Amino acid sequence: MIFCFDIDGTLLQTKYDVNNGYVVQWAKIELIALLNKLYNEGNTIIIQTGRHWQWLKQTKQQLDDHGIQYHTLIMGNVVADVYINDRAFLPEDFCKIYGGD
């Protein structure tokens, strides 16, 4: 399957700062662990964000810093089988349905 995860408000709780970009307040460890499990099981993981391209380097570093495994990072909307973000399929509901451990 193809899973598409949002960053802000979904994988990472962030606060936007005009000078410093997206400052991570905390990572959503349970959801990141599930994402990595899906990745390791052979699913395709897309990270999608509405962040501006000027924050691409910072975004990649934050994903690396939190051990988030993915195949593609896209700034913009994509077509996927499942969307997990703070405005559609809530992270908590996703963990309940797909976590199942």
N, C-alpha and C. Protein backbone atom coordinates (compact mmCIF):
# COMPACT_ATOMS: atom_id res chain seq x y z
N MET A 1 0.83 -1.18 0.00
CA MET A 1 0.00 0.00 0.00
C MET A 1 0.88 1.25 0.00
N ILE A 2 0.27 2.33 -0.37
CA ILE A 2 0.92 3.63 -0.31
C ILE A 2 0.29 4.42 0.82
N PHE A 3 1.13 4.87 1.75
CA PHE A 3 0.67 5.69 2.87
C PHE A 3 1.29 7.07 2.74
N CYS A 4 0.48 8.08 2.95
CA CYS A 4 0.95 9.46 2.87
C CYS A 4 0.74 10.12 4.22
N PHE A 5 1.82 10.56 4.84
CA PHE A 5 1.78 11.18 6.16
C PHE A 5 2.11 12.66 6.06
N ASP A 6 1.37 13.46 6.79
CA ASP A 6 1.67 14.87 6.97
C ASP A 6 2.73 14.98 8.07
N ILE A 7 3.38 16.14 8.15
CA ILE A 7 4.38 16.35 9.19
C ILE A 7 3.78 17.13 10.37
N ASP A 8 3.47 18.39 10.13
CA ASP A 8 3.09 19.30 11.19
C ASP A 8 1.70 18.97 11.75
N GLY A 9 1.67 18.72 13.05
CA GLY A 9 0.43 18.34 13.70
C GLY A 9 0.11 16.87 13.56
N THR A 10 0.96 16.14 12.86
CA THR A 10 0.72 14.71 12.65
C THR A 10 1.91 13.91 13.17
N LEU A 11 3.04 13.93 12.48
CA LEU A 11 4.23 13.23 12.94
C LEU A 11 4.99 14.04 13.99
N LEU A 12 5.04 15.33 13.77
CA LEU A 12 5.74 16.23 14.69
C LEU A 12 4.81 17.36 15.10
N GLN A 13 4.83 17.68 16.36
CA GLN A 13 4.12 18.87 16.81
C GLN A 13 5.10 20.03 16.69
N THR A 14 4.77 20.99 15.86
CA THR A 14 5.68 22.08 15.57
C THR A 14 5.02 23.43 15.81
N LYS A 15 5.88 24.42 15.88
CA LYS A 15 5.42 25.80 15.96
C LYS A 15 6.21 26.57 14.92
N TYR A 16 5.50 27.31 14.06
CA TYR A 16 6.17 28.07 13.01
C TYR A 16 6.71 29.38 13.57
N ASP A 17 7.96 29.66 13.24
CA ASP A 17 8.63 30.89 13.61
C ASP A 17 9.16 31.52 12.33
N VAL A 18 8.85 32.78 12.10
CA VAL A 18 9.23 33.46 10.86
C VAL A 18 10.73 33.35 10.59
N ASN A 19 11.54 33.45 11.62
CA ASN A 19 12.99 33.44 11.44
C ASN A 19 13.60 32.04 11.45
N ASN A 20 13.02 31.14 12.23
CA ASN A 20 13.61 29.82 12.42
C ASN A 20 12.85 28.69 11.75
N GLY A 21 11.79 29.00 11.07
CA GLY A 21 11.02 27.96 10.39
C GLY A 21 10.17 27.16 11.36
N TYR A 22 10.15 25.86 11.17
CA TYR A 22 9.30 24.96 11.94
C TYR A 22 10.10 24.39 13.12
N VAL A 23 9.77 24.83 14.30
CA VAL A 23 10.46 24.40 15.51
C VAL A 23 9.69 23.23 16.11
N VAL A 24 10.36 22.10 16.26
CA VAL A 24 9.72 20.90 16.79
C VAL A 24 9.55 21.04 18.30
N GLN A 25 8.31 20.88 18.73
CA GLN A 25 8.02 20.89 20.16
C GLN A 25 8.10 19.48 20.73
N TRP A 26 7.55 18.50 20.00
CA TRP A 26 7.70 17.10 20.35
C TRP A 26 7.35 16.24 19.15
N ALA A 27 7.87 15.01 19.19
CA ALA A 27 7.59 14.03 18.14
C ALA A 27 6.51 13.07 18.64
N LYS A 28 5.68 12.62 17.74
CA LYS A 28 4.63 11.67 18.07
C LYS A 28 5.18 10.26 17.87
N ILE A 29 5.83 9.77 18.92
CA ILE A 29 6.63 8.55 18.90
C ILE A 29 5.83 7.32 18.45
N GLU A 30 4.62 7.15 18.95
CA GLU A 30 3.81 5.98 18.60
C GLU A 30 3.51 5.95 17.10
N LEU A 31 3.16 7.10 16.54
CA LEU A 31 2.85 7.16 15.12
C LEU A 31 4.10 6.97 14.27
N ILE A 32 5.22 7.53 14.71
CA ILE A 32 6.49 7.35 13.98
C ILE A 32 6.89 5.87 13.99
N ALA A 33 6.71 5.21 15.12
CA ALA A 33 7.04 3.77 15.20
C ALA A 33 6.16 2.97 14.24
N LEU A 34 4.89 3.31 14.16
CA LEU A 34 3.99 2.61 13.24
C LEU A 34 4.37 2.90 11.79
N LEU A 35 4.68 4.14 11.48
CA LEU A 35 5.14 4.49 10.13
C LEU A 35 6.36 3.65 9.75
N ASN A 36 7.34 3.58 10.65
CA ASN A 36 8.56 2.82 10.37
C ASN A 36 8.27 1.33 10.21
N LYS A 37 7.32 0.82 10.98
CA LYS A 37 6.92 -0.58 10.84
C LYS A 37 6.33 -0.82 9.45
N LEU A 38 5.45 0.06 9.02
CA LEU A 38 4.86 -0.07 7.68
C LEU A 38 5.94 0.01 6.60
N TYR A 39 6.89 0.90 6.78
CA TYR A 39 8.02 1.03 5.85
C TYR A 39 8.80 -0.30 5.78
N ASN A 40 9.14 -0.84 6.94
CA ASN A 40 9.91 -2.09 7.01
C ASN A 40 9.14 -3.30 6.47
N GLU A 41 7.82 -3.22 6.45
CA GLU A 41 7.00 -4.29 5.89
C GLU A 41 6.86 -4.18 4.38
N GLY A 42 7.48 -3.17 3.78
CA GLY A 42 7.49 -3.04 2.33
C GLY A 42 6.46 -2.08 1.75
N ASN A 43 5.74 -1.39 2.61
CA ASN A 43 4.79 -0.38 2.12
C ASN A 43 5.55 0.87 1.66
N THR A 44 4.94 1.63 0.80
CA THR A 44 5.52 2.88 0.33
C THR A 44 5.08 4.01 1.25
N ILE A 45 6.05 4.77 1.74
CA ILE A 45 5.77 5.87 2.65
C ILE A 45 6.12 7.18 1.97
N ILE A 46 5.12 8.04 1.86
CA ILE A 46 5.30 9.38 1.31
C ILE A 46 5.10 10.36 2.45
N ILE A 47 6.00 11.29 2.57
CA ILE A 47 5.83 12.38 3.51
C ILE A 47 5.41 13.59 2.69
N GLN A 48 4.26 14.15 3.05
CA GLN A 48 3.71 15.30 2.34
C GLN A 48 3.55 16.44 3.32
N THR A 49 3.95 17.63 2.91
CA THR A 49 3.83 18.78 3.79
C THR A 49 3.44 20.02 3.00
N GLY A 50 2.77 20.90 3.66
CA GLY A 50 2.43 22.18 3.05
C GLY A 50 3.52 23.22 3.26
N ARG A 51 4.64 22.82 3.84
CA ARG A 51 5.73 23.75 4.08
C ARG A 51 6.27 24.30 2.76
N HIS A 52 6.75 25.52 2.81
CA HIS A 52 7.36 26.17 1.64
C HIS A 52 8.71 25.53 1.34
N TRP A 53 9.11 25.54 0.09
CA TRP A 53 10.37 24.93 -0.35
C TRP A 53 11.58 25.49 0.38
N GLN A 54 11.50 26.72 0.88
CA GLN A 54 12.65 27.29 1.57
C GLN A 54 13.01 26.50 2.83
N TRP A 55 12.07 25.67 3.31
CA TRP A 55 12.31 24.88 4.51
C TRP A 55 12.65 23.43 4.19
N LEU A 56 12.98 23.12 2.95
CA LEU A 56 13.26 21.74 2.54
C LEU A 56 14.42 21.13 3.33
N LYS A 57 15.54 21.82 3.42
CA LYS A 57 16.71 21.29 4.13
C LYS A 57 16.37 21.05 5.60
N GLN A 58 15.70 22.01 6.23
CA GLN A 58 15.30 21.86 7.63
C GLN A 58 14.35 20.67 7.80
N THR A 59 13.42 20.53 6.88
CA THR A 59 12.45 19.44 6.95
C THR A 59 13.13 18.09 6.86
N LYS A 60 14.04 17.93 5.90
CA LYS A 60 14.77 16.65 5.77
C LYS A 60 15.55 16.34 7.04
N GLN A 61 16.17 17.36 7.62
CA GLN A 61 16.95 17.16 8.85
C GLN A 61 16.05 16.73 10.00
N GLN A 62 14.87 17.34 10.12
CA GLN A 62 13.95 16.96 11.19
C GLN A 62 13.47 15.52 11.02
N LEU A 63 13.22 15.10 9.80
CA LEU A 63 12.82 13.71 9.56
C LEU A 63 13.94 12.76 9.96
N ASP A 64 15.16 13.10 9.58
CA ASP A 64 16.32 12.28 9.96
C ASP A 64 16.52 12.26 11.47
N ASP A 65 16.42 13.43 12.09
CA ASP A 65 16.64 13.53 13.54
C ASP A 65 15.67 12.66 14.33
N HIS A 66 14.48 12.46 13.80
CA HIS A 66 13.47 11.67 14.50
C HIS A 66 13.33 10.25 13.96
N GLY A 67 14.27 9.84 13.11
CA GLY A 67 14.30 8.46 12.62
C GLY A 67 13.12 8.09 11.76
N ILE A 68 12.56 9.05 11.06
CA ILE A 68 11.39 8.79 10.22
C ILE A 68 11.85 8.27 8.86
N GLN A 69 11.46 7.03 8.55
CA GLN A 69 11.83 6.40 7.29
C GLN A 69 10.78 6.71 6.23
N TYR A 70 11.22 7.02 5.05
CA TYR A 70 10.28 7.35 3.99
C TYR A 70 10.94 7.14 2.63
N HIS A 71 10.10 7.06 1.61
CA HIS A 71 10.58 6.91 0.25
C HIS A 71 10.64 8.24 -0.48
N THR A 72 9.65 9.09 -0.24
CA THR A 72 9.53 10.35 -0.97
C THR A 72 9.08 11.45 -0.02
N LEU A 73 9.66 12.63 -0.20
CA LEU A 73 9.21 13.82 0.50
C LEU A 73 8.68 14.79 -0.54
N ILE A 74 7.45 15.22 -0.35
CA ILE A 74 6.82 16.10 -1.34
C ILE A 74 6.27 17.34 -0.63
N MET A 75 6.56 18.49 -1.22
CA MET A 75 5.96 19.74 -0.76
C MET A 75 4.78 19.99 -1.69
N GLY A 76 3.56 19.68 -1.24
CA GLY A 76 2.36 19.80 -2.06
C GLY A 76 1.47 18.59 -1.87
N ASN A 77 0.36 18.52 -2.57
CA ASN A 77 -0.58 17.41 -2.45
C ASN A 77 -0.24 16.27 -3.39
N VAL A 78 -0.51 15.04 -2.93
CA VAL A 78 -0.23 13.84 -3.71
C VAL A 78 -1.45 12.92 -3.71
N VAL A 79 -1.42 11.92 -4.59
CA VAL A 79 -2.47 10.89 -4.63
C VAL A 79 -1.94 9.68 -3.87
N ALA A 80 -2.70 9.21 -2.89
CA ALA A 80 -2.30 8.05 -2.10
C ALA A 80 -3.54 7.24 -1.74
N ASP A 81 -3.34 6.02 -1.31
CA ASP A 81 -4.44 5.17 -0.85
C ASP A 81 -4.97 5.65 0.50
N VAL A 82 -4.08 6.09 1.36
CA VAL A 82 -4.45 6.50 2.71
C VAL A 82 -3.72 7.79 3.04
N TYR A 83 -4.44 8.77 3.57
CA TYR A 83 -3.84 10.02 4.05
C TYR A 83 -3.92 10.05 5.56
N ILE A 84 -2.81 10.37 6.20
CA ILE A 84 -2.78 10.49 7.64
C ILE A 84 -2.30 11.89 7.95
N ASN A 85 -3.20 12.72 8.43
CA ASN A 85 -2.82 14.07 8.82
C ASN A 85 -3.81 14.60 9.83
N ASP A 86 -3.55 15.81 10.28
CA ASP A 86 -4.39 16.36 11.34
C ASP A 86 -5.71 16.91 10.82
N ARG A 87 -6.01 16.76 9.53
CA ARG A 87 -7.24 17.30 8.97
C ARG A 87 -8.10 16.24 8.27
N ALA A 88 -7.64 15.00 8.18
CA ALA A 88 -8.40 13.97 7.50
C ALA A 88 -8.47 12.73 8.39
N PHE A 89 -7.56 11.81 8.20
CA PHE A 89 -7.49 10.58 8.98
C PHE A 89 -6.62 10.90 10.19
N LEU A 90 -7.23 11.10 11.33
CA LEU A 90 -6.48 11.52 12.51
C LEU A 90 -5.44 10.50 12.92
N PRO A 91 -4.26 10.96 13.34
CA PRO A 91 -3.18 10.04 13.73
C PRO A 91 -3.62 9.02 14.78
N GLU A 92 -4.41 9.44 15.75
CA GLU A 92 -4.86 8.54 16.81
C GLU A 92 -5.72 7.41 16.25
N ASP A 93 -6.62 7.75 15.33
CA ASP A 93 -7.48 6.74 14.70
C ASP A 93 -6.65 5.79 13.84
N PHE A 94 -5.67 6.33 13.13
CA PHE A 94 -4.80 5.50 12.29
C PHE A 94 -4.07 4.48 13.16
N CYS A 95 -3.53 4.90 14.31
CA CYS A 95 -2.82 3.98 15.19
C CYS A 95 -3.75 2.89 15.69
N LYS A 96 -4.99 3.23 16.02
CA LYS A 96 -5.94 2.23 16.50
C LYS A 96 -6.24 1.19 15.44
N ILE A 97 -6.41 1.63 14.20
CA ILE A 97 -6.79 0.73 13.12
C ILE A 97 -5.62 -0.10 12.61
N TYR A 98 -4.47 0.55 12.36
CA TYR A 98 -3.33 -0.15 11.76
C TYR A 98 -2.32 -0.66 12.77
N GLY A 99 -2.32 -0.11 13.97
CA GLY A 99 -1.34 -0.53 14.99
C GLY A 99 -1.58 -1.95 15.44
N GLY A 100 -2.76 -2.22 15.91
CA GLY A 100 -3.25 -3.54 16.25
C GLY A 100 -2.36 -4.44 17.08
N ASP A 101 -1.24 -3.97 17.58
CA ASP A 101 -0.36 -4.86 18.35
C ASP A 101 -0.79 -5.01 19.77
